[in-house]
């Protein structure tokens, strides 16, 4: 169970709980992997910083690879139009594989910067925001990808979203194309 005392950095209105800003080298990614086919569980249910949005894993590094992590209970504490995020990606050449993000108030994966990121066989489910905007459940997507102009080559492959209170997949603000292969949402 993660606690508020473990918040790595607070910047403006964001609490970056686990801040991953180091990069791997070409052909030598930094790997964060569960043992074998197990899931390493990160429970953020007790991280409720007043007046801050929560980025459970804040990723600004590149050349990183995650496998088999489970993120649960990411909270929203702001009552206006706001969102929290399980994996906030601003890096490039990253691989997010077999991640499970569920039973919280947050977007599963939200990628707004970076090129050539692969999101592989990830699940986002049972996420609903009962706090912001009078508890209407908005702002909670399974997966959001909004690359800026010039950020190309982002691919979602085999990703699934269900029982999400907003969109399963959202790329409305994307300045570049995003590829979706064998993904589904309901």
Protein backbone atom coordinates (compact mmCIF):
# COMPACT_ATOMS: atom_id res chain seq x y z
CA UNK A 1 0.00 0.00 0.00
CA UNK A 2 1.44 3.34 -1.13
CA UNK A 3 1.02 6.31 1.25
CA UNK A 4 1.02 10.09 0.80
CA UNK A 5 4.43 10.26 2.49
CA UNK A 6 5.82 8.46 -0.57
CA UNK A 7 4.90 11.22 -3.05
CA UNK A 8 8.17 11.85 -4.93
CA UNK A 9 7.40 15.38 -6.10
CA UNK A 10 4.65 18.00 -6.04
CA UNK A 11 4.59 20.41 -8.95
CA UNK A 12 1.83 22.98 -9.45
CA UNK A 13 -1.40 20.97 -9.03
CA UNK A 14 0.11 17.50 -9.55
CA UNK A 15 1.37 14.97 -7.01
CA UNK A 16 3.88 12.79 -8.88
CA UNK A 17 3.89 9.72 -6.66
CA UNK A 18 6.41 7.48 -8.44
CA UNK A 19 8.58 9.71 -10.63
CA UNK A 20 10.42 7.84 -13.41
CA UNK A 21 12.70 10.37 -15.08
CA UNK A 22 15.80 8.27 -15.83
CA UNK A 23 16.19 6.87 -19.35
CA UNK A 24 17.55 3.61 -20.70
CA UNK A 25 20.11 3.42 -23.49
CA UNK A 26 19.32 2.34 -27.05
CA UNK A 27 18.92 -1.43 -27.02
CA UNK A 28 19.24 -1.47 -23.22
CA UNK A 29 15.92 -0.36 -21.73
CA UNK A 30 15.37 0.02 -18.02
CA UNK A 31 12.87 -2.73 -17.09
CA UNK A 32 10.30 -2.71 -14.32
CA UNK A 33 8.94 -6.23 -14.36
CA UNK A 34 6.94 -8.51 -12.11
CA UNK A 35 8.46 -11.93 -11.48
CA UNK A 36 7.48 -14.49 -14.15
CA UNK A 37 3.78 -14.20 -15.01
CA UNK A 38 2.92 -12.62 -11.65
CA UNK A 39 1.41 -9.16 -11.18
CA UNK A 40 3.15 -6.68 -8.88
CA UNK A 41 0.33 -4.73 -7.19
CA UNK A 42 0.61 -1.01 -6.40
CA UNK A 43 -2.33 0.17 -4.28
CA UNK A 44 -2.78 3.97 -4.24
CA UNK A 45 -6.05 4.00 -2.22
CA UNK A 46 -4.41 5.94 0.64
CA UNK A 47 -2.88 8.63 -1.59
CA UNK A 48 -5.38 11.50 -1.35
CA UNK A 49 -3.42 14.78 -1.36
CA UNK A 50 -5.90 17.62 -0.89
CA UNK A 51 -6.15 19.92 -3.89
CA UNK A 52 -3.76 17.90 -6.09
CA UNK A 53 -4.30 15.56 -9.00
CA UNK A 54 -2.51 12.24 -8.65
CA UNK A 55 -0.11 10.83 -11.24
CA UNK A 56 0.60 7.39 -9.77
CA UNK A 57 3.47 6.68 -12.20
CA UNK A 58 4.81 9.88 -13.76
CA UNK A 59 6.99 8.89 -16.72
CA UNK A 60 9.30 11.44 -18.32
CA UNK A 61 12.14 9.02 -19.04
CA UNK A 62 12.60 7.22 -22.37
CA UNK A 63 13.76 3.70 -23.19
CA UNK A 64 11.71 2.18 -20.35
CA UNK A 65 9.78 -1.12 -20.30
CA UNK A 66 7.12 -2.19 -17.80
CA UNK A 67 5.73 -5.72 -17.62
CA UNK A 68 3.04 -7.15 -15.36
CA UNK A 69 2.23 -4.27 -13.03
CA UNK A 70 -1.20 -3.76 -11.46
CA UNK A 71 -2.31 -0.30 -10.32
CA UNK A 72 -5.41 0.04 -8.13
CA UNK A 73 -7.22 2.71 -6.16
CA UNK A 74 -5.83 5.91 -7.72
CA UNK A 75 -7.89 8.76 -6.24
CA UNK A 76 -9.30 12.12 -7.35
CA UNK A 77 -9.47 14.86 -4.70
CA UNK A 78 -10.39 17.98 -6.70
CA UNK A 79 -14.11 18.70 -7.15
CA UNK A 80 -13.85 20.82 -10.33
CA UNK A 81 -13.03 19.60 -13.87
CA UNK A 82 -9.99 17.43 -13.04
CA UNK A 83 -8.46 14.00 -13.58
CA UNK A 84 -5.92 11.67 -12.02
CA UNK A 85 -3.79 9.19 -13.96
CA UNK A 86 -2.32 5.73 -13.33
CA UNK A 87 0.49 6.04 -15.92
CA UNK A 88 1.21 9.56 -17.23
CA UNK A 89 3.67 9.15 -20.12
CA UNK A 90 5.76 12.00 -21.56
CA UNK A 91 8.67 9.81 -22.75
CA UNK A 92 9.59 8.11 -26.03
CA UNK A 93 10.57 4.57 -27.00
CA UNK A 94 8.74 3.15 -23.98
CA UNK A 95 6.89 -0.19 -23.75
CA UNK A 96 3.92 -0.63 -21.41
CA UNK A 97 3.12 -4.36 -21.38
CA UNK A 98 0.51 -6.41 -19.48
CA UNK A 99 -0.44 -3.53 -17.20
CA UNK A 100 -3.72 -3.65 -15.30
CA UNK A 101 -5.26 -0.40 -14.02
CA UNK A 102 -8.54 -0.75 -12.18
CA UNK A 103 -10.90 0.02 -9.31
CA UNK A 104 -9.97 3.67 -8.95
CA UNK A 105 -10.93 7.16 -10.08
CA UNK A 106 -8.20 7.59 -12.70
CA UNK A 107 -7.39 7.27 -16.38
CA UNK A 108 -5.40 4.08 -17.02
CA UNK A 109 -2.72 5.42 -19.38
CA UNK A 110 -2.47 9.02 -20.53
CA UNK A 111 0.24 9.80 -23.07
CA UNK A 112 0.61 13.39 -24.31
CA UNK A 113 4.23 13.60 -25.41
CA UNK A 114 6.71 11.25 -26.99
CA UNK A 115 7.14 9.04 -30.03
CA UNK A 116 7.36 5.30 -30.71
CA UNK A 117 5.64 4.16 -27.53
CA UNK A 118 4.04 0.70 -27.50
CA UNK A 119 1.08 -0.09 -25.24
CA UNK A 120 0.78 -3.87 -25.36
CA UNK A 121 -1.98 -6.08 -23.89
CA UNK A 122 -2.94 -3.58 -21.18
CA UNK A 123 -6.28 -3.50 -19.34
CA UNK A 124 -8.19 -0.59 -17.79
CA UNK A 125 -11.46 -1.43 -16.05
CA UNK A 126 -13.91 -0.46 -13.30
CA UNK A 127 -12.62 3.11 -13.10
CA UNK A 128 -15.11 5.84 -12.13
CA UNK A 129 -14.63 9.34 -10.71
CA UNK A 130 -17.26 10.05 -8.00
CA UNK A 131 -15.57 13.31 -6.91
CA UNK A 132 -14.98 15.87 -9.70
CA UNK A 133 -17.79 17.77 -11.43
CA UNK A 134 -20.47 16.65 -8.92
CA UNK A 135 -19.54 12.98 -9.31
CA UNK A 136 -20.70 12.67 -12.93
CA UNK A 137 -17.92 10.18 -13.70
CA UNK A 138 -16.39 12.15 -16.56
CA UNK A 139 -12.68 12.54 -17.30
CA UNK A 140 -11.94 8.86 -16.66
CA UNK A 141 -10.81 7.20 -19.87
CA UNK A 142 -9.29 3.76 -20.13
CA UNK A 143 -6.54 5.04 -22.42
CA UNK A 144 -5.79 8.56 -23.63
CA UNK A 145 -3.19 9.38 -26.26
CA UNK A 146 -2.79 12.97 -27.41
CA UNK A 147 0.62 13.30 -29.07
CA UNK A 148 1.86 16.74 -30.06
CA UNK A 149 2.85 17.64 -33.61
CA UNK A 150 5.92 15.59 -34.54
CA UNK A 151 5.37 12.89 -31.90
CA UNK A 152 4.78 9.85 -34.15
CA UNK A 153 4.70 6.08 -34.03
CA UNK A 154 2.55 5.48 -30.93
CA UNK A 155 0.75 2.11 -31.03
CA UNK A 156 -1.88 0.45 -28.83
CA UNK A 157 -1.97 -3.29 -29.47
CA UNK A 158 -4.30 -5.77 -27.75
CA UNK A 159 -5.46 -3.23 -25.14
CA UNK A 160 -8.89 -3.53 -23.50
CA UNK A 161 -11.12 -1.10 -21.58
CA UNK A 162 -14.41 -1.93 -19.86
CA UNK A 163 -16.66 -0.40 -17.23
CA UNK A 164 -14.94 2.96 -17.68
CA UNK A 165 -17.06 6.03 -16.85
CA UNK A 166 -15.97 8.05 -19.91
CA UNK A 167 -14.20 6.83 -23.08
CA UNK A 168 -12.46 3.48 -23.44
CA UNK A 169 -9.98 5.09 -25.86
CA UNK A 170 -9.64 8.86 -26.27
CA UNK A 171 -7.38 10.62 -28.76
CA UNK A 172 -9.52 13.71 -29.41
CA UNK A 173 -6.64 16.17 -28.90
CA UNK A 174 -4.04 14.20 -30.91
CA UNK A 175 -1.99 16.33 -33.33
CA UNK A 176 -0.55 13.14 -34.91
CA UNK A 177 -2.04 9.76 -35.74
CA UNK A 178 -2.20 6.98 -33.16
CA UNK A 179 -2.48 3.35 -34.23
CA UNK A 180 -4.89 0.91 -32.55
CA UNK A 181 -4.57 -2.80 -33.35
CA UNK A 182 -6.83 -5.53 -31.93
CA UNK A 183 -8.12 -3.28 -29.14
CA UNK A 184 -11.66 -3.17 -27.75
CA UNK A 185 -13.83 -1.29 -25.28
CA UNK A 186 -17.35 -1.62 -23.90
